[in-house]
Amino acid sequence: MENQAFVSFRNVQKSYDGESLVVKNFNLDIEQGEFVTMLGPSGSGKTTCLMMLAGFETVTHGQICIDRQPVNDIAPQKRGIGMVFQNYALFPHMTIAENLAFPLKVRRLTSAEIQERVNKALDMVALGKLGNRMPAQLSGGQKQRVALARALIFEPRLVLMDEPLGALDKQLREQMQYEIKRLSKQLGITVVYVTHDQSEALTMSDRIAVFNDGVVQQLATPSDLYEKPETAFVASFIGENNRLRGERIDHQGGHCTVRMGDQTLTALAVNVIGQSGPTTISIRPERVKLNPVQGECVNRLPARVIERVYHGDHLRVRLELEGHDDFIVKVANAGGQTCPEVGERLTVGWAIEDCRALDA
């Protein structure tokens, strides 16, 4: 059956020295209109994959297709791709309107059509009255809006974004996240986005590919990545996560029993093989209950409060339990909620479905 994906990577590998692979056997299908983020730490291979798709890096092995057409040997400017970078890449000697018009002049559109599209693009990113300004007269957020408009102005079906919001402050960054997502859906374009910011990826994406050491650890929707991580790396990289190391002593069906010191826990058996062996248990801080009532939680452990940190909408409580002194619980700052004092001894608990046994 013919592959119907709009963008596809097939067994793609990349090596710079002919020996070590920075991208290892990468496979990915992206549908028309989908927003897919490549997420991972520095050096994990995500930007290299984006640059191979753009045509700025050659493919060592495998094939990349856009709209079912192989593009390995097609020059970057002939792939019909819009690009947005972190450094804006605006021409400093041109006005904003001239910056936007440039890719249209290269494509030999008429002056009337160029003017119409420039005006439309400026309105699209809420910069309608700033066309005559120079880039140096704009704020960082305004420059990034211009860079986004320039990538969209020639109506590409595919837009690639490499850490485009990295230079913005927190408030502007969050504002631009929603703006980019809104525009991508409104225009029906396909977006491949690269970031190392997991919060940004969760906010914007239809699906996320989590990279580590040149390999995709998991490809899933934001909610599945957060709620159902398949490896200890994904669990720790996506959101805050408690990791408890223990020894599996039984494995029946979808559950396993894990010994930690003198205590035993029951967890979902997600990424474990065999009846026994070392494992990492993953629990999100917001799923942990302090002093649960009897019968409320199957898993219960004694703990001691080491630290409390105020975060406005919640308090972050650090606990010591079973040899771990970095176990975190988030307590909502809501009416009726009480937070334990430093030094206080208590019991923590959580449900089996919130506790995942992953690779050691």
Protein backbone atom coordinates (compact mmCIF):
# COMPACT_ATOMS: atom_id res chain seq x y z
CA MET A 1 0.00 0.00 0.00
CA GLU A 2 1.36 3.43 -0.96
CA ASN A 3 2.34 5.67 1.92
CA GLN A 4 -0.17 8.54 2.14
CA ALA A 5 1.71 10.66 4.71
CA PHE A 6 2.46 14.24 3.68
CA VAL A 7 5.98 14.09 5.18
CA SER A 8 7.76 10.80 5.74
CA PHE A 9 11.17 9.76 7.04
CA ARG A 10 12.13 6.20 6.09
CA ASN A 11 15.07 4.55 7.89
CA VAL A 12 16.90 7.89 7.93
CA GLN A 13 20.41 8.00 9.37
CA LYS A 14 22.94 10.80 9.68
CA SER A 15 26.67 10.64 10.34
CA TYR A 16 29.11 13.53 10.11
CA ASP A 17 32.30 11.47 10.38
CA GLY A 18 31.28 8.22 8.69
CA GLU A 19 31.47 6.31 11.96
CA SER A 20 29.13 7.55 14.71
CA LEU A 21 25.44 8.17 13.99
CA VAL A 22 23.77 11.31 15.33
CA VAL A 23 20.43 10.09 13.94
CA LYS A 24 19.77 6.35 14.05
CA ASN A 25 17.16 4.70 11.84
CA PHE A 26 14.58 7.47 12.11
CA ASN A 27 11.05 6.72 10.89
CA LEU A 28 8.18 9.21 11.06
CA ASP A 29 4.96 9.91 9.14
CA ILE A 30 3.36 13.36 9.38
CA GLU A 31 -0.15 14.04 8.07
CA GLN A 32 -1.25 17.12 6.12
CA GLY A 33 -2.12 19.93 8.57
CA GLU A 34 -0.49 18.22 11.57
CA PHE A 35 1.69 20.05 14.11
CA VAL A 36 4.52 17.70 15.10
CA THR A 37 7.25 18.67 17.56
CA MET A 38 10.70 17.11 17.77
CA LEU A 39 11.62 17.39 21.43
CA GLY A 40 14.81 16.46 23.23
CA PRO A 41 17.97 17.66 24.97
CA SER A 42 20.85 19.32 23.11
CA GLY A 43 22.67 16.87 20.85
CA SER A 44 19.78 14.38 20.70
CA GLY A 45 19.37 14.60 16.90
CA LYS A 46 16.16 16.61 16.63
CA THR A 47 17.63 19.67 14.86
CA THR A 48 19.63 17.44 12.51
CA CYS A 49 16.37 15.77 11.41
CA LEU A 50 14.81 19.18 10.78
CA MET A 51 17.84 20.34 8.77
CA MET A 52 17.72 17.16 6.64
CA LEU A 53 14.02 17.81 5.94
CA ALA A 54 14.86 21.42 4.99
CA GLY A 55 17.71 20.28 2.74
CA PHE A 56 20.48 22.04 4.69
CA GLU A 57 21.96 18.68 5.74
CA THR A 58 22.41 15.64 3.51
CA VAL A 59 20.90 12.26 4.40
CA THR A 60 23.54 9.59 5.05
CA HIS A 61 21.07 6.73 4.63
CA GLY A 62 17.33 6.40 4.04
CA GLN A 63 14.79 8.61 2.33
CA ILE A 64 12.73 11.72 3.08
CA CYS A 65 9.53 12.43 1.11
CA ILE A 66 7.29 15.49 0.96
CA ASP A 67 3.84 14.91 -0.54
CA ARG A 68 5.05 11.42 -1.57
CA GLN A 69 7.94 12.87 -3.60
CA PRO A 70 11.54 11.97 -2.58
CA VAL A 71 13.47 15.16 -1.76
CA ASN A 72 16.92 13.86 -0.82
CA ASP A 73 18.43 15.33 -3.99
CA ILE A 74 16.24 18.46 -4.25
CA ALA A 75 17.80 21.82 -3.32
CA PRO A 76 16.37 23.58 -0.24
CA GLN A 77 14.90 26.52 -2.19
CA LYS A 78 12.97 24.12 -4.44
CA ARG A 79 11.24 22.21 -1.63
CA GLY A 80 8.55 24.87 -1.05
CA ILE A 81 9.22 25.05 2.68
CA GLY A 82 8.82 28.04 5.00
CA MET A 83 11.45 28.38 7.74
CA VAL A 84 11.42 30.23 11.08
CA PHE A 85 14.61 30.44 13.16
CA GLN A 86 15.41 31.72 16.65
CA ASN A 87 17.50 34.65 15.38
CA TYR A 88 14.68 36.00 13.12
CA ALA A 89 17.06 36.26 10.08
CA LEU A 90 15.52 39.58 8.94
CA PHE A 91 17.35 41.82 6.50
CA PRO A 92 18.37 44.85 8.65
CA HIS A 93 18.51 47.28 5.70
CA MET A 94 14.94 46.53 4.57
CA THR A 95 11.67 47.71 6.06
CA ILE A 96 9.29 45.13 7.50
CA ALA A 97 7.15 45.28 4.36
CA GLU A 98 10.25 44.81 2.16
CA ASN A 99 11.33 41.82 4.26
CA LEU A 100 7.94 40.23 3.70
CA ALA A 101 7.95 41.05 -0.01
CA PHE A 102 11.37 39.48 -0.63
CA PRO A 103 10.31 35.81 -0.96
CA LEU A 104 7.47 36.91 -3.27
CA LYS A 105 9.81 38.88 -5.54
CA VAL A 106 12.06 35.83 -5.80
CA ARG A 107 8.99 33.91 -7.01
CA ARG A 108 8.28 36.70 -9.54
CA LEU A 109 4.80 37.67 -8.37
CA THR A 110 3.31 40.91 -9.72
CA SER A 111 3.65 44.13 -7.71
CA ALA A 112 -0.09 44.23 -7.05
CA GLU A 113 -0.15 40.65 -5.76
CA ILE A 114 2.92 41.27 -3.61
CA GLN A 115 1.32 44.35 -2.03
CA GLU A 116 -1.91 42.48 -1.34
CA ARG A 117 -0.11 39.55 0.30
CA VAL A 118 2.17 41.80 2.38
CA ASN A 119 -0.82 43.71 3.76
CA LYS A 120 -2.65 40.46 4.50
CA ALA A 121 0.42 38.98 6.24
CA LEU A 122 0.95 42.09 8.38
CA ASP A 123 -2.69 41.98 9.50
CA MET A 124 -2.42 38.24 10.19
CA VAL A 125 0.32 38.82 12.79
CA ALA A 126 -1.24 42.08 14.12
CA LEU A 127 1.48 44.37 12.70
CA GLY A 128 -0.66 46.14 10.11
CA LYS A 129 0.64 49.66 10.90
CA LEU A 130 4.35 48.79 11.20
CA GLY A 131 5.19 47.92 7.59
CA ASN A 132 7.45 50.96 7.13
CA ARG A 133 9.55 50.36 10.24
CA MET A 134 13.04 48.85 10.20
CA PRO A 135 13.78 45.62 12.12
CA ALA A 136 15.93 47.55 14.63
CA GLN A 137 12.84 49.54 15.64
CA LEU A 138 10.88 46.42 16.67
CA SER A 139 10.79 44.45 19.91
CA GLY A 140 11.84 40.80 20.00
CA GLY A 141 8.25 39.63 19.89
CA GLN A 142 7.46 41.85 16.91
CA LYS A 143 10.54 40.61 15.03
CA GLN A 144 9.46 37.02 15.59
CA ARG A 145 5.99 37.86 14.27
CA VAL A 146 7.61 39.27 11.11
CA ALA A 147 9.75 36.14 10.73
CA LEU A 148 6.61 34.02 11.08
CA ALA A 149 4.70 36.13 8.54
CA ARG A 150 7.60 35.90 6.06
CA ALA A 151 7.61 32.09 6.36
CA LEU A 152 3.86 31.98 5.67
CA ILE A 153 3.50 34.71 3.03
CA PHE A 154 4.16 32.53 -0.01
CA GLU A 155 1.58 30.02 1.30
CA PRO A 156 3.81 26.98 1.83
CA ARG A 157 2.16 23.71 2.79
CA LEU A 158 5.04 22.91 5.15
CA VAL A 159 6.69 25.21 7.71
CA LEU A 160 9.75 24.23 9.77
CA MET A 161 10.54 26.03 13.03
CA ASP A 162 13.84 25.66 14.88
CA GLU A 163 13.66 26.96 18.49
CA PRO A 164 11.81 30.07 17.20
CA LEU A 165 10.84 31.38 20.64
CA GLY A 166 14.10 30.76 22.48
CA ALA A 167 15.11 34.44 22.63
CA LEU A 168 11.79 35.71 24.03
CA ASP A 169 10.87 36.30 27.66
CA LYS A 170 8.36 33.99 29.36
CA GLN A 171 5.23 36.07 28.81
CA LEU A 172 5.98 36.80 25.14
CA ARG A 173 6.97 33.18 24.59
CA GLU A 174 3.64 31.90 25.90
CA GLN A 175 1.74 34.48 23.84
CA MET A 176 3.58 33.43 20.66
CA GLN A 177 2.97 29.73 21.37
CA TYR A 178 -0.78 30.24 21.14
CA GLU A 179 -0.39 32.59 18.15
CA ILE A 180 1.63 30.05 16.14
CA LYS A 181 -0.76 27.23 17.00
CA ARG A 182 -3.78 29.36 16.05
CA LEU A 183 -2.29 30.41 12.71
CA SER A 184 -1.20 26.87 11.80
CA LYS A 185 -4.74 25.57 12.31
CA GLN A 186 -6.38 28.57 10.65
CA LEU A 187 -4.21 28.22 7.53
CA GLY A 188 -4.18 24.40 7.50
CA ILE A 189 -0.39 24.22 7.17
CA THR A 190 1.81 21.36 8.31
CA VAL A 191 4.33 22.36 10.97
CA VAL A 192 7.47 20.55 12.13
CA TYR A 193 8.73 22.28 15.25
CA VAL A 194 11.99 21.76 17.16
CA THR A 195 12.42 22.65 20.82
CA HIS A 196 14.07 21.44 24.02
CA ASP A 197 11.27 23.03 26.10
CA GLN A 198 8.82 20.27 27.09
CA SER A 199 6.16 22.74 28.30
CA GLU A 200 6.21 24.43 24.89
CA ALA A 201 5.87 21.07 23.14
CA LEU A 202 2.91 20.01 25.31
CA THR A 203 1.12 23.33 24.68
CA MET A 204 1.45 23.45 20.89
CA SER A 205 1.66 19.97 19.40
CA ASP A 206 -0.69 17.40 17.93
CA ARG A 207 2.07 14.81 18.42
CA ILE A 208 5.54 14.89 19.94
CA ALA A 209 8.61 12.81 19.04
CA VAL A 210 10.89 12.61 22.08
CA PHE A 211 14.54 12.26 21.03
CA ASN A 212 17.49 10.98 23.03
CA ASP A 213 20.89 10.01 21.64
CA GLY A 214 19.69 9.98 18.03
CA VAL A 215 16.71 7.72 18.71
CA VAL A 216 13.02 8.51 19.12
CA GLN A 217 12.11 7.21 22.58
CA GLN A 218 8.36 7.71 22.10
CA LEU A 219 6.02 9.30 19.56
CA ALA A 220 2.61 10.20 20.96
CA THR A 221 0.07 12.91 21.70
CA PRO A 222 0.95 15.35 24.52
CA SER A 223 -1.53 13.74 26.91
CA ASP A 224 -0.26 10.21 26.22
CA LEU A 225 3.36 11.28 26.66
CA TYR A 226 2.56 12.82 30.02
CA GLU A 227 0.09 10.24 31.29
CA LYS A 228 1.57 7.10 29.69
CA PRO A 229 5.36 7.41 29.34
CA GLU A 230 6.97 4.24 28.00
CA THR A 231 10.53 4.77 29.24
CA ALA A 232 12.17 6.29 32.31
CA PHE A 233 13.76 8.94 30.05
CA VAL A 234 10.39 10.10 28.67
CA ALA A 235 8.82 10.09 32.14
CA SER A 236 11.59 12.32 33.50
CA PHE A 237 11.90 14.60 30.45
CA ILE A 238 8.17 15.33 30.06
CA GLY A 239 7.00 17.24 33.10
CA GLU A 240 8.12 16.74 36.69
CA ASN A 241 8.34 13.13 37.75
CA ASN A 242 9.30 11.05 40.78
CA ARG A 243 11.53 8.08 40.09
CA LEU A 244 11.88 5.32 42.66
CA ARG A 245 14.36 2.52 42.05
CA GLY A 246 13.39 -0.94 43.22
CA GLU A 247 13.42 -4.66 42.47
CA ARG A 248 10.56 -6.46 40.76
CA ILE A 249 9.66 -9.60 42.69
CA ASP A 250 6.52 -10.59 40.74
CA HIS A 251 4.87 -9.83 37.40
CA GLN A 252 1.29 -10.94 36.75
CA GLY A 253 -0.62 -9.66 33.72
CA GLY A 254 -0.44 -5.89 33.55
CA HIS A 255 0.77 -5.41 37.13
CA CYS A 256 4.01 -6.07 38.95
CA THR A 257 5.13 -6.04 42.57
CA VAL A 258 8.22 -4.01 43.40
CA ARG A 259 10.27 -4.18 46.59
CA MET A 260 11.82 -1.00 47.96
CA GLY A 261 13.72 -1.64 51.18
CA ASP A 262 11.18 -3.02 53.64
CA GLN A 263 8.20 -1.89 51.57
CA THR A 264 6.42 -3.34 48.53
CA LEU A 265 4.48 -1.41 45.86
CA THR A 266 2.12 -2.47 43.09
CA ALA A 267 2.61 -0.77 39.72
CA LEU A 268 1.47 -0.97 36.10
CA ALA A 269 3.99 -3.13 34.23
CA VAL A 270 4.74 -0.86 31.27
CA ASN A 271 8.28 -1.54 30.10
CA VAL A 272 9.52 -4.59 31.98
CA ILE A 273 10.52 -8.08 30.89
CA GLY A 274 10.40 -11.23 33.00
CA GLN A 275 9.26 -11.92 36.54
CA SER A 276 12.10 -10.14 38.31
CA GLY A 277 14.84 -7.57 37.90
CA PRO A 278 15.62 -3.92 38.66
CA THR A 279 13.05 -1.31 37.65
CA THR A 280 12.24 2.39 37.88
CA ILE A 281 8.85 3.39 39.22
CA SER A 282 7.40 6.63 37.85
CA ILE A 283 4.82 8.75 39.75
CA ARG A 284 3.76 12.31 38.92
CA PRO A 285 3.95 14.72 41.91
CA GLU A 286 0.34 15.85 41.55
CA ARG A 287 -0.91 12.22 41.80
CA VAL A 288 0.55 11.67 45.28
CA LYS A 289 -1.73 12.06 48.29
CA LEU A 290 -0.51 13.17 51.71
CA ASN A 291 -1.91 11.17 54.65
CA PRO A 292 -4.52 9.33 52.56
CA VAL A 293 -7.43 7.85 54.46
CA GLN A 294 -7.41 4.12 55.09
CA GLY A 295 -8.31 2.18 51.96
CA GLU A 296 -7.90 5.20 49.64
CA CYS A 297 -4.53 4.12 48.18
CA VAL A 298 -3.09 0.65 47.61
CA ASN A 299 0.46 2.01 47.71
CA ARG A 300 1.41 3.67 51.02
CA LEU A 301 4.85 4.66 52.32
CA PRO A 302 6.10 6.51 55.40
CA ALA A 303 7.89 9.79 54.67
CA ARG A 304 9.37 12.91 56.27
CA VAL A 305 9.05 16.52 55.05
CA ILE A 306 12.44 18.05 54.13
CA GLU A 307 11.41 21.26 52.36
CA ARG A 308 8.43 23.38 51.35
CA VAL A 309 8.56 25.87 48.46
CA TYR A 310 5.76 28.33 47.70
CA HIS A 311 4.78 28.54 43.99
CA GLY A 312 1.64 30.64 44.19
CA ASP A 313 -0.99 28.20 42.90
CA HIS A 314 0.65 25.26 44.69
CA LEU A 315 3.25 24.32 47.27
CA ARG A 316 6.08 22.02 46.28
CA VAL A 317 6.87 19.64 49.13
CA ARG A 318 10.11 17.64 49.11
CA LEU A 319 10.06 14.41 51.07
CA GLU A 320 12.47 11.72 52.21
CA LEU A 321 11.20 8.16 51.82
CA GLU A 322 12.87 4.76 51.54
CA GLY A 323 16.34 6.17 50.88
CA HIS A 324 15.15 8.81 48.40
CA ASP A 325 15.41 12.45 49.52
CA ASP A 326 14.10 14.07 46.34
CA PHE A 327 10.51 12.82 46.26
CA ILE A 328 8.21 15.71 45.29
CA VAL A 329 4.52 16.26 46.04
CA LYS A 330 2.49 19.19 44.71
CA VAL A 331 -0.15 20.49 47.13
CA ALA A 332 -2.78 22.79 45.61
CA ASN A 333 -3.00 26.22 47.23
CA ALA A 334 -6.75 25.98 47.71
CA GLY A 335 -9.21 26.61 50.50
CA GLY A 336 -9.23 23.81 53.05
CA GLN A 337 -5.90 22.37 51.91
CA THR A 338 -3.27 22.11 54.63
CA CYS A 339 0.43 21.67 54.00
CA PRO A 340 2.69 19.75 56.42
CA GLU A 341 5.54 21.45 58.22
CA VAL A 342 9.26 20.77 57.65
CA GLY A 343 10.33 17.79 59.79
CA GLU A 344 6.81 16.38 60.03
CA ARG A 345 6.41 12.63 59.54
CA LEU A 346 3.49 11.44 57.46
CA THR A 347 2.23 8.82 55.03
CA VAL A 348 2.12 9.23 51.24
CA GLY A 349 0.03 7.15 48.89
CA TRP A 350 -1.06 6.76 45.30
CA ALA A 351 -3.22 4.57 43.09
CA ILE A 352 -1.86 1.66 41.06
CA GLU A 353 -2.88 3.29 37.77
CA ASP A 354 -0.74 6.35 38.61
CA CYS A 355 2.37 4.26 39.20
CA ARG A 356 4.31 2.87 36.20
CA ALA A 357 7.14 0.33 36.30
CA LEU A 358 9.59 1.28 33.54
CA ASP A 359 13.07 0.27 32.38
CA ALA A 360 15.78 0.24 35.04
